[in-house]
Amino acid sequence: MRAPKKVAVAALLAGATAIGLAPIFVRLSETGSTATAFWRVTLSVPFLWLWMRVENPGGRFDWAMLWPGVFFAGDLAVWHASIRWTSVANATLLANAAPIFVALVAWLWLGERLRGTFLMGLVIALAGAVLVMRASFALSHQDFKGDLLAVATALFYTGYQISVKQLRVKHATGTLMFWSALVSALVLLTVALALGETMMPATTRGWSVLLALAVISHVGGQGLIAWALAHGPASASSVSLLWQPVVAAFMAWLVFGELLSGTHAVGAVVVLAGIYLAWRGSYESGG
């Protein structure tokens, strides 16, 4: 049974807020970029296991859960690397091109109808995200590698969102999150070891950063998003995640002293307006 539209949107915005904190935690991490991603999912596993046991004690592994696990591992590995190679603004904004790809896949594969109101909302939300990140966003030869990785992140995250959307039809949120996290952890551990990255944080502060990343951004953020994907169209749900750049920009200002101005506030309002139109358009089309 679908939750009310307002509840689904609220869950997505809360999840996007929690994920918007992730770039800050990654920057503060004392381990390698892929190792940080590994700890993000690994430290979340006990919490997700409890969630699964409470929500659905009989939750079993489905081989189809390999897909979100692998896609999310790819998403984290390349995104965390991009944050080290380019600015928080570039990494966040380019990675959030995912709604464009999700909308295309939802239209071509899931049969979602993309009406004019939705497309207008998508364009407006993207424009708002650009406004938010405009002051810090800059394309340069020096940052090209990180920017390219951020675009690859968008493709991986598209695969993750679509696969979660499909699996949520028959699997509870906790079950899907737990098993996909285990798959992601195995993939990320293999990659991190192959790259010879620093695996262990050197201080208690380093462990605290990783735990916060796991609990806030993964269990809280991705958990809310996985829940909400069962209660609304994939295309509109993905547009809602454009709230992430707003949060990331504010936190980058608060923690790293990156520029924040009135343009950011205008951009935040524009993003919210775009999200509203995207959802309105999706429900008008019966999505």
Protein backbone atom coordinates (compact mmCIF):
# COMPACT_ATOMS: atom_id res chain seq x y z
CA MET A 1 0.00 0.00 0.00
CA ARG A 2 1.40 3.38 -1.00
CA ALA A 3 2.06 5.98 1.66
CA PRO A 4 0.60 9.47 1.03
CA LYS A 5 2.57 11.56 -1.46
CA LYS A 6 3.51 14.13 1.20
CA VAL A 7 4.98 11.41 3.42
CA ALA A 8 7.05 9.97 0.56
CA VAL A 9 8.39 13.40 -0.40
CA ALA A 10 9.22 14.21 3.24
CA ALA A 11 11.11 10.92 3.57
CA LEU A 12 13.07 11.62 0.37
CA LEU A 13 14.00 15.14 1.48
CA ALA A 14 15.08 13.85 4.90
CA GLY A 15 17.11 11.12 3.21
CA ALA A 16 18.67 13.62 0.81
CA THR A 17 19.60 15.82 3.79
CA ALA A 18 21.37 12.92 5.48
CA ILE A 19 23.20 12.02 2.27
CA GLY A 20 24.13 15.67 1.77
CA LEU A 21 26.34 15.34 4.84
CA ALA A 22 28.32 12.48 3.27
CA PRO A 23 30.85 14.61 1.35
CA ILE A 24 31.83 16.30 4.60
CA PHE A 25 32.43 12.98 6.34
CA VAL A 26 34.42 11.70 3.36
CA ARG A 27 36.64 14.79 3.40
CA LEU A 28 37.25 14.32 7.14
CA SER A 29 37.98 10.59 6.87
CA GLU A 30 41.45 9.29 7.73
CA THR A 31 41.23 6.28 5.41
CA GLY A 32 41.45 5.95 1.62
CA SER A 33 38.43 6.96 -0.45
CA THR A 34 37.31 3.40 -1.27
CA ALA A 35 38.18 2.24 2.25
CA THR A 36 35.92 5.01 3.57
CA ALA A 37 33.13 3.68 1.35
CA PHE A 38 33.81 0.17 2.68
CA TRP A 39 33.48 1.30 6.29
CA ARG A 40 30.38 3.28 5.43
CA VAL A 41 28.46 0.15 4.48
CA THR A 42 30.23 -2.26 6.84
CA LEU A 43 29.55 -0.24 9.98
CA SER A 44 25.93 0.09 8.89
CA VAL A 45 25.41 -3.69 8.73
CA PRO A 46 24.61 -4.28 12.47
CA PHE A 47 22.04 -1.47 12.42
CA LEU A 48 20.50 -2.74 9.19
CA TRP A 49 20.37 -6.28 10.60
CA LEU A 50 18.36 -4.99 13.58
CA TRP A 51 16.09 -3.09 11.20
CA MET A 52 15.52 -6.25 9.15
CA ARG A 53 14.83 -8.37 12.23
CA VAL A 54 12.26 -5.90 13.56
CA GLU A 55 10.59 -5.23 10.22
CA ASN A 56 10.73 -8.68 8.65
CA PRO A 57 12.40 -11.46 10.74
CA GLY A 58 12.18 -13.89 7.81
CA GLY A 59 13.95 -11.61 5.35
CA ARG A 60 16.01 -13.78 3.00
CA PHE A 61 18.63 -13.08 0.40
CA ASP A 62 17.43 -12.69 -3.17
CA TRP A 63 20.06 -13.05 -5.90
CA ALA A 64 18.60 -9.95 -7.53
CA MET A 65 19.94 -8.00 -4.53
CA LEU A 66 23.38 -8.36 -6.07
CA TRP A 67 22.44 -5.55 -8.44
CA PRO A 68 21.81 -2.74 -5.93
CA GLY A 69 24.81 -3.96 -3.93
CA VAL A 70 27.16 -3.80 -6.91
CA PHE A 71 25.72 -0.53 -8.24
CA PHE A 72 25.99 1.12 -4.84
CA ALA A 73 29.56 -0.11 -4.40
CA GLY A 74 30.42 1.45 -7.76
CA ASP A 75 28.57 4.63 -6.83
CA LEU A 76 30.47 5.02 -3.54
CA ALA A 77 33.87 4.03 -4.90
CA VAL A 78 33.85 6.55 -7.74
CA TRP A 79 32.07 9.32 -5.81
CA HIS A 80 34.37 9.15 -2.81
CA ALA A 81 37.31 9.24 -5.20
CA SER A 82 35.84 12.23 -7.03
CA ILE A 83 35.55 14.16 -3.76
CA ARG A 84 39.29 13.76 -3.28
CA TRP A 85 40.06 14.88 -6.87
CA THR A 86 37.69 17.82 -7.24
CA SER A 87 35.68 20.24 -5.10
CA VAL A 88 32.72 19.19 -2.94
CA ALA A 89 30.55 21.37 -5.18
CA ASN A 90 31.68 19.71 -8.43
CA ALA A 91 31.47 16.19 -7.01
CA THR A 92 27.99 16.75 -5.57
CA LEU A 93 26.47 18.63 -8.50
CA LEU A 94 27.75 16.33 -11.27
CA ALA A 95 26.83 13.20 -9.31
CA ASN A 96 23.32 14.61 -8.98
CA ALA A 97 22.82 14.47 -12.74
CA ALA A 98 21.31 11.05 -11.90
CA PRO A 99 17.67 12.27 -12.16
CA ILE A 100 18.17 12.85 -15.89
CA PHE A 101 19.26 9.24 -16.41
CA VAL A 102 16.65 7.86 -13.99
CA ALA A 103 13.88 9.70 -15.85
CA LEU A 104 15.05 8.24 -19.17
CA VAL A 105 15.23 4.70 -17.78
CA ALA A 106 11.87 5.07 -16.00
CA TRP A 107 10.30 6.20 -19.27
CA LEU A 108 11.94 3.63 -21.55
CA TRP A 109 11.94 0.61 -19.21
CA LEU A 110 9.47 1.13 -16.36
CA GLY A 111 6.81 2.71 -18.55
CA GLU A 112 6.48 5.90 -16.50
CA ARG A 113 4.89 8.72 -18.48
CA LEU A 114 6.89 11.94 -18.39
CA ARG A 115 4.45 14.81 -18.79
CA GLY A 116 5.39 18.43 -19.40
CA THR A 117 4.88 19.41 -15.75
CA PHE A 118 7.36 16.77 -14.61
CA LEU A 119 9.95 17.77 -17.21
CA MET A 120 9.55 21.41 -16.21
CA GLY A 121 10.07 20.41 -12.56
CA LEU A 122 13.20 18.44 -13.46
CA VAL A 123 14.70 21.36 -15.37
CA ILE A 124 13.84 23.83 -12.60
CA ALA A 125 15.28 21.59 -9.87
CA LEU A 126 18.48 21.12 -11.86
CA ALA A 127 18.69 24.89 -12.41
CA GLY A 128 18.29 25.40 -8.67
CA ALA A 129 21.09 22.94 -7.97
CA VAL A 130 23.32 24.81 -10.41
CA LEU A 131 22.52 28.09 -8.62
CA VAL A 132 23.42 26.53 -5.28
CA MET A 133 26.75 25.27 -6.53
CA ARG A 134 27.56 28.06 -9.01
CA ALA A 135 29.96 29.99 -6.78
CA SER A 136 32.05 26.92 -5.97
CA PHE A 137 31.53 24.97 -9.20
CA ALA A 138 34.27 25.33 -11.79
CA LEU A 139 35.38 23.14 -14.67
CA SER A 140 39.14 22.96 -15.09
CA HIS A 141 41.76 20.68 -16.54
CA GLN A 142 43.14 20.10 -13.06
CA ASP A 143 39.82 18.79 -11.72
CA PHE A 144 38.80 16.93 -14.89
CA LYS A 145 39.50 13.47 -13.45
CA GLY A 146 37.36 14.12 -10.39
CA ASP A 147 34.58 15.65 -12.49
CA LEU A 148 34.55 12.62 -14.80
CA LEU A 149 34.29 10.31 -11.80
CA ALA A 150 31.37 12.37 -10.49
CA VAL A 151 29.49 11.85 -13.77
CA ALA A 152 30.22 8.11 -13.54
CA THR A 153 28.73 8.26 -10.05
CA ALA A 154 25.47 9.51 -11.53
CA LEU A 155 25.31 6.46 -13.82
CA PHE A 156 25.99 4.02 -10.98
CA TYR A 157 23.42 5.74 -8.76
CA THR A 158 20.87 5.51 -11.55
CA GLY A 159 21.36 1.74 -11.62
CA TYR A 160 21.05 1.63 -7.84
CA GLN A 161 17.80 3.62 -7.72
CA ILE A 162 16.14 1.64 -10.50
CA SER A 163 17.13 -1.72 -9.01
CA VAL A 164 15.93 -0.69 -5.54
CA LYS A 165 12.67 0.56 -7.03
CA GLN A 166 12.12 -2.83 -8.69
CA LEU A 167 13.06 -4.90 -5.63
CA ARG A 168 10.97 -2.87 -3.19
CA VAL A 169 7.89 -4.33 -4.87
CA LYS A 170 8.49 -7.63 -3.04
CA HIS A 171 11.10 -6.91 -0.36
CA ALA A 172 10.94 -4.88 2.85
CA THR A 173 13.29 -1.91 3.23
CA GLY A 174 15.42 -3.42 6.02
CA THR A 175 15.89 -6.71 4.19
CA LEU A 176 16.94 -5.03 0.95
CA MET A 177 19.27 -2.59 2.72
CA PHE A 178 20.94 -5.30 4.83
CA TRP A 179 21.72 -7.74 2.04
CA SER A 180 22.73 -5.09 -0.49
CA ALA A 181 25.05 -3.54 2.12
CA LEU A 182 26.80 -6.89 2.56
CA VAL A 183 27.29 -7.19 -1.18
CA SER A 184 28.61 -3.63 -1.38
CA ALA A 185 31.00 -4.24 1.51
CA LEU A 186 32.55 -7.27 -0.19
CA VAL A 187 33.02 -5.42 -3.48
CA LEU A 188 34.46 -2.31 -1.82
CA LEU A 189 36.84 -4.30 0.39
CA THR A 190 38.24 -6.06 -2.68
CA VAL A 191 38.74 -2.77 -4.53
CA ALA A 192 40.26 -0.96 -1.54
CA LEU A 193 42.76 -3.76 -0.90
CA ALA A 194 43.65 -3.98 -4.59
CA LEU A 195 44.37 -0.23 -4.61
CA GLY A 196 46.53 -0.53 -1.50
CA GLU A 197 44.57 2.13 0.36
CA THR A 198 44.91 2.99 4.04
CA MET A 199 42.21 0.83 5.62
CA MET A 200 42.25 1.79 9.30
CA PRO A 201 41.69 5.25 10.78
CA ALA A 202 44.50 6.37 13.07
CA THR A 203 42.42 8.07 15.77
CA THR A 204 39.18 7.81 17.68
CA ARG A 205 38.01 10.87 15.77
CA GLY A 206 38.59 8.96 12.53
CA TRP A 207 36.38 6.10 13.73
CA SER A 208 33.72 8.60 14.84
CA VAL A 209 33.62 10.12 11.36
CA LEU A 210 33.17 6.69 9.76
CA LEU A 211 30.45 5.72 12.24
CA ALA A 212 28.59 8.97 11.60
CA LEU A 213 28.86 8.37 7.85
CA ALA A 214 27.44 4.87 8.28
CA VAL A 215 24.59 5.72 10.64
CA ILE A 216 23.52 9.12 9.34
CA SER A 217 24.17 8.90 5.60
CA HIS A 218 23.69 5.19 4.94
CA VAL A 219 21.25 3.79 7.49
CA GLY A 220 19.31 7.04 7.82
CA GLY A 221 19.69 8.60 4.38
CA GLN A 222 19.70 5.60 2.06
CA GLY A 223 17.23 3.78 4.29
CA LEU A 224 14.65 6.56 3.97
CA ILE A 225 15.21 6.74 0.23
CA ALA A 226 14.82 2.97 -0.21
CA TRP A 227 11.58 3.10 1.77
CA ALA A 228 10.23 6.04 -0.22
CA LEU A 229 11.03 4.48 -3.61
CA ALA A 230 8.19 2.02 -3.05
CA HIS A 231 5.71 4.86 -2.57
CA GLY A 232 6.18 7.02 -5.64
CA PRO A 233 7.45 7.15 -9.23
CA ALA A 234 11.18 6.56 -9.67
CA SER A 235 11.54 9.68 -11.81
CA ALA A 236 10.01 12.09 -9.29
CA SER A 237 11.77 10.37 -6.40
CA SER A 238 15.11 10.90 -8.07
CA VAL A 239 14.41 14.60 -8.65
CA SER A 240 13.76 14.97 -4.91
CA LEU A 241 17.36 13.95 -4.26
CA LEU A 242 18.52 17.21 -5.86
CA TRP A 243 18.08 18.59 -2.36
CA GLN A 244 21.49 17.03 -1.62
CA PRO A 245 23.55 19.84 -3.21
CA VAL A 246 21.73 22.38 -1.05
CA VAL A 247 22.70 20.54 2.12
CA ALA A 248 26.24 19.86 0.88
CA ALA A 249 26.79 23.54 0.06
CA PHE A 250 25.60 24.67 3.48
CA MET A 251 27.72 22.11 5.30
CA ALA A 252 30.79 22.89 3.15
CA TRP A 253 30.39 26.53 4.23
CA LEU A 254 29.92 25.55 7.87
CA VAL A 255 32.82 23.08 8.07
CA PHE A 256 35.30 24.12 5.37
CA GLY A 257 34.50 27.80 5.00
CA GLU A 258 33.43 27.49 1.36
CA LEU A 259 31.48 30.45 -0.03
CA LEU A 260 27.78 30.82 0.84
CA SER A 261 25.63 33.70 -0.44
CA GLY A 262 22.10 34.79 -1.19
CA THR A 263 22.30 32.88 -4.46
CA HIS A 264 22.41 29.65 -2.46
CA ALA A 265 19.16 30.56 -0.71
CA VAL A 266 17.48 31.37 -4.04
CA GLY A 267 18.77 28.10 -5.47
CA ALA A 268 17.37 26.16 -2.52
CA VAL A 269 13.90 27.65 -3.10
CA VAL A 270 14.14 26.91 -6.84
CA VAL A 271 15.11 23.27 -6.10
CA LEU A 272 12.08 22.85 -3.84
CA ALA A 273 9.82 24.39 -6.50
CA GLY A 274 11.20 21.98 -9.09
CA ILE A 275 10.66 18.99 -6.79
CA TYR A 276 7.05 20.08 -6.21
CA LEU A 277 6.38 20.36 -9.95
CA ALA A 278 8.08 17.02 -10.67
CA TRP A 279 5.86 15.21 -8.19
CA ARG A 280 2.75 17.03 -9.36
CA GLY A 281 3.56 16.12 -12.96
CA SER A 282 4.20 12.48 -12.09
CA TYR A 283 0.87 12.09 -10.32
CA GLU A 284 -0.96 13.89 -13.11
CA SER A 285 0.42 11.24 -15.45
CA GLY A 286 -0.67 8.45 -13.16
CA GLY A 287 2.93 7.52 -12.24
